[in-house]
Amino acid sequence: MGVGGGAAGNRLQKRLLESVYLDGETTGGYPTYFDHCTPGKMATLYREAGFEDIDLTIFYSPTPYFRVFVRVHIAMVCFMRLCRALGLSYFSSGFIVSEIRPPT
C-alpha cells in the first residue's frame, strides 16, 4: 500500500523524511521514491513490469494525527470526501494494488 503524497508534495515529504534519517538519502535502508507513490504511477509501473489485470482499491480517509485538532480534522474529512467525489486519486490517503503476472 502506498501513501498519497499530493497534499504535502513529493519534494517536501522527501525532505522531511531525509531530515529525520541520519544518512539523508534513505528511509529505513530503502531509497525514497515518493514520486511513485500515487495510484496512477504505481499502475503504470506494474504495467511496464508486465503485469495485467491491474486493480486499484483507493482509500480517502484523513490521518488520525489531525484528530487532536478538531477543525483541521473536519477540514481534512471534507477535503477527502471532495477528492473521492471528484476521483482525485492523487490526494488519496492510501491504496492497494492487485494484479496478475502472466505466465512466462
C-alpha atoms as a PDB file:
ATOM      1  CA  MET A   1       0.000   0.000   0.000  1.00  0.00           C
ATOM      2  CA  GLY A   2       1.282   3.452  -0.775  1.00  0.00           C
ATOM      3  CA  VAL A   3       0.581   6.792   0.643  1.00  0.00           C
ATOM      4  CA  GLY A   4      -0.617   9.639  -1.490  1.00  0.00           C
ATOM      5  CA  GLY A   5       1.900  12.433  -1.460  1.00  0.00           C
ATOM      6  CA  GLY A   6      -0.262  15.100  -3.036  1.00  0.00           C
ATOM      7  CA  ALA A   7      -1.225  17.315  -0.122  1.00  0.00           C
ATOM      8  CA  ALA A   8       2.293  17.996   1.137  1.00  0.00           C
ATOM      9  CA  GLY A   9       4.050  17.376  -2.147  1.00  0.00           C
ATOM     10  CA  ASN A  10       6.633  14.763  -3.014  1.00  0.00           C
ATOM     11  CA  ARG A  11       9.651  17.014  -2.595  1.00  0.00           C
ATOM     12  CA  LEU A  12       8.537  18.317   0.801  1.00  0.00           C
ATOM     13  CA  GLN A  13       7.799  14.810   2.087  1.00  0.00           C
ATOM     14  CA  LYS A  14      11.169  13.544   0.903  1.00  0.00           C
ATOM     15  CA  ARG A  15      12.987  16.460   2.564  1.00  0.00           C
ATOM     16  CA  LEU A  16      11.134  15.937   5.826  1.00  0.00           C
ATOM     17  CA  LEU A  17      11.919  12.224   5.917  1.00  0.00           C
ATOM     18  CA  GLU A  18      15.534  12.752   4.897  1.00  0.00           C
ATOM     19  CA  SER A  19      15.937  15.245   7.749  1.00  0.00           C
ATOM     20  CA  VAL A  20      14.769  12.582  10.208  1.00  0.00           C
ATOM     21  CA  TYR A  21      17.166   9.895   8.975  1.00  0.00           C
ATOM     22  CA  LEU A  22      20.868  10.350   9.532  1.00  0.00           C
ATOM     23  CA  ASP A  23      22.001   9.046   6.153  1.00  0.00           C
ATOM     24  CA  GLY A  24      19.900  11.695   4.397  1.00  0.00           C
ATOM     25  CA  GLU A  25      19.200   9.530   1.362  1.00  0.00           C
ATOM     26  CA  THR A  26      17.196   6.576   2.556  1.00  0.00           C
ATOM     27  CA  THR A  27      14.415   5.745   4.940  1.00  0.00           C
ATOM     28  CA  GLY A  28      14.970   2.540   6.837  1.00  0.00           C
ATOM     29  CA  GLY A  29      17.576   1.360   4.345  1.00  0.00           C
ATOM     30  CA  TYR A  30      15.334   1.828   1.303  1.00  0.00           C
ATOM     31  CA  PRO A  31      15.596   4.613  -1.287  1.00  0.00           C
ATOM     32  CA  THR A  32      12.773   7.146  -1.175  1.00  0.00           C
ATOM     33  CA  TYR A  33      10.622   7.256  -4.291  1.00  0.00           C
ATOM     34  CA  PHE A  34       7.697   9.444  -3.320  1.00  0.00           C
ATOM     35  CA  ASP A  35       7.163  10.427  -6.923  1.00  0.00           C
ATOM     36  CA  HIS A  36       5.962   6.826  -7.495  1.00  0.00           C
ATOM     37  CA  CYS A  37       3.524   6.740  -4.559  1.00  0.00           C
ATOM     38  CA  THR A  38       0.338   7.628  -6.379  1.00  0.00           C
ATOM     39  CA  PRO A  39      -2.234   5.145  -7.650  1.00  0.00           C
ATOM     40  CA  GLY A  40      -1.728   6.199 -11.268  1.00  0.00           C
ATOM     41  CA  LYS A  41       2.060   5.976 -11.157  1.00  0.00           C
ATOM     42  CA  MET A  42       2.004   2.586  -9.404  1.00  0.00           C
ATOM     43  CA  ALA A  43      -0.420   1.202 -12.017  1.00  0.00           C
ATOM     44  CA  THR A  44       1.928   2.446 -14.746  1.00  0.00           C
ATOM     45  CA  LEU A  45       4.955   0.845 -13.082  1.00  0.00           C
ATOM     46  CA  TYR A  46       3.151  -2.502 -12.749  1.00  0.00           C
ATOM     47  CA  ARG A  47       2.008  -2.336 -16.394  1.00  0.00           C
ATOM     48  CA  GLU A  48       5.571  -1.580 -17.526  1.00  0.00           C
ATOM     49  CA  ALA A  49       6.798  -4.581 -15.487  1.00  0.00           C
ATOM     50  CA  GLY A  50       4.477  -6.876 -17.436  1.00  0.00           C
ATOM     51  CA  PHE A  51       1.570  -7.249 -15.019  1.00  0.00           C
ATOM     52  CA  GLU A  52      -2.012  -7.476 -16.267  1.00  0.00           C
ATOM     53  CA  ASP A  53      -5.484  -7.010 -14.806  1.00  0.00           C
ATOM     54  CA  ILE A  54      -4.271  -4.224 -12.523  1.00  0.00           C
ATOM     55  CA  ASP A  55      -6.895  -3.251  -9.984  1.00  0.00           C
ATOM     56  CA  LEU A  56      -6.587  -0.329  -7.588  1.00  0.00           C
ATOM     57  CA  THR A  57      -8.511  -0.001  -4.342  1.00  0.00           C
ATOM     58  CA  ILE A  58      -8.201   3.630  -3.310  1.00  0.00           C
ATOM     59  CA  PHE A  59      -8.820   4.973   0.200  1.00  0.00           C
ATOM     60  CA  TYR A  60      -9.748   8.506   1.161  1.00  0.00           C
ATOM     61  CA  SER A  61      -9.528   8.996   4.892  1.00  0.00           C
ATOM     62  CA  PRO A  62      -7.798  11.674   6.924  1.00  0.00           C
ATOM     63  CA  THR A  63      -4.827  10.714   9.006  1.00  0.00           C
ATOM     64  CA  PRO A  64      -5.684  10.192  12.693  1.00  0.00           C
ATOM     65  CA  TYR A  65      -2.904  12.642  13.615  1.00  0.00           C
ATOM     66  CA  PHE A  66      -5.289  15.522  12.973  1.00  0.00           C
ATOM     67  CA  ARG A  67      -7.951  14.287  15.406  1.00  0.00           C
ATOM     68  CA  VAL A  68      -6.406  16.382  18.171  1.00  0.00           C
ATOM     69  CA  PHE A  69      -7.050  19.491  16.102  1.00  0.00           C
ATOM     70  CA  VAL A  70     -10.798  19.187  15.578  1.00  0.00           C
ATOM     71  CA  ARG A  71     -11.077  21.970  12.986  1.00  0.00           C
ATOM     72  CA  VAL A  72      -8.185  20.607  10.936  1.00  0.00           C
ATOM     73  CA  HIS A  73      -9.612  17.102  11.187  1.00  0.00           C
ATOM     74  CA  ILE A  74     -13.036  18.286   9.962  1.00  0.00           C
ATOM     75  CA  ALA A  75     -11.349  20.163   7.096  1.00  0.00           C
ATOM     76  CA  MET A  76      -9.401  17.025   6.146  1.00  0.00           C
ATOM     77  CA  VAL A  77     -12.566  14.884   6.242  1.00  0.00           C
ATOM     78  CA  CYS A  78     -14.279  17.371   3.915  1.00  0.00           C
ATOM     79  CA  PHE A  79     -11.245  17.509   1.621  1.00  0.00           C
ATOM     80  CA  MET A  80     -11.024  13.712   1.400  1.00  0.00           C
ATOM     81  CA  ARG A  81     -14.743  13.429   0.633  1.00  0.00           C
ATOM     82  CA  LEU A  82     -14.368  16.019  -2.115  1.00  0.00           C
ATOM     83  CA  CYS A  83     -11.383  14.138  -3.559  1.00  0.00           C
ATOM     84  CA  ARG A  84     -13.349  10.873  -3.514  1.00  0.00           C
ATOM     85  CA  ALA A  85     -16.341  12.528  -5.208  1.00  0.00           C
ATOM     86  CA  LEU A  86     -14.134  14.063  -7.914  1.00  0.00           C
ATOM     87  CA  GLY A  87     -11.959  10.950  -8.325  1.00  0.00           C
ATOM     88  CA  LEU A  88      -8.750  12.794  -7.403  1.00  0.00           C
ATOM     89  CA  SER A  89      -6.715   9.713  -6.561  1.00  0.00           C
ATOM     90  CA  TYR A  90      -3.501  11.764  -6.380  1.00  0.00           C
ATOM     91  CA  PHE A  91      -4.693  13.029  -2.988  1.00  0.00           C
ATOM     92  CA  SER A  92      -5.770   9.608  -1.694  1.00  0.00           C
ATOM     93  CA  SER A  93      -4.660   8.546   1.754  1.00  0.00           C
ATOM     94  CA  GLY A  94      -3.697   5.078   0.595  1.00  0.00           C
ATOM     95  CA  PHE A  95      -4.249   2.382  -1.970  1.00  0.00           C
ATOM     96  CA  ILE A  96      -3.879  -1.323  -2.607  1.00  0.00           C
ATOM     97  CA  VAL A  97      -2.702  -2.666  -5.947  1.00  0.00           C
ATOM     98  CA  SER A  98      -3.691  -6.138  -7.054  1.00  0.00           C
ATOM     99  CA  GLU A  99      -2.522  -7.544 -10.341  1.00  0.00           C
ATOM    100  CA  ILE A 100      -1.762 -10.687 -12.280  1.00  0.00           C
ATOM    101  CA  ARG A 101       1.593 -11.521 -13.812  1.00  0.00           C
ATOM    102  CA  PRO A 102       1.106 -13.609 -16.945  1.00  0.00           C
ATOM    103  CA  PRO A 103       2.955 -16.928 -17.023  1.00  0.00           C
ATOM    104  CA  THR A 104       6.289 -16.836 -18.812  1.00  0.00           C
END
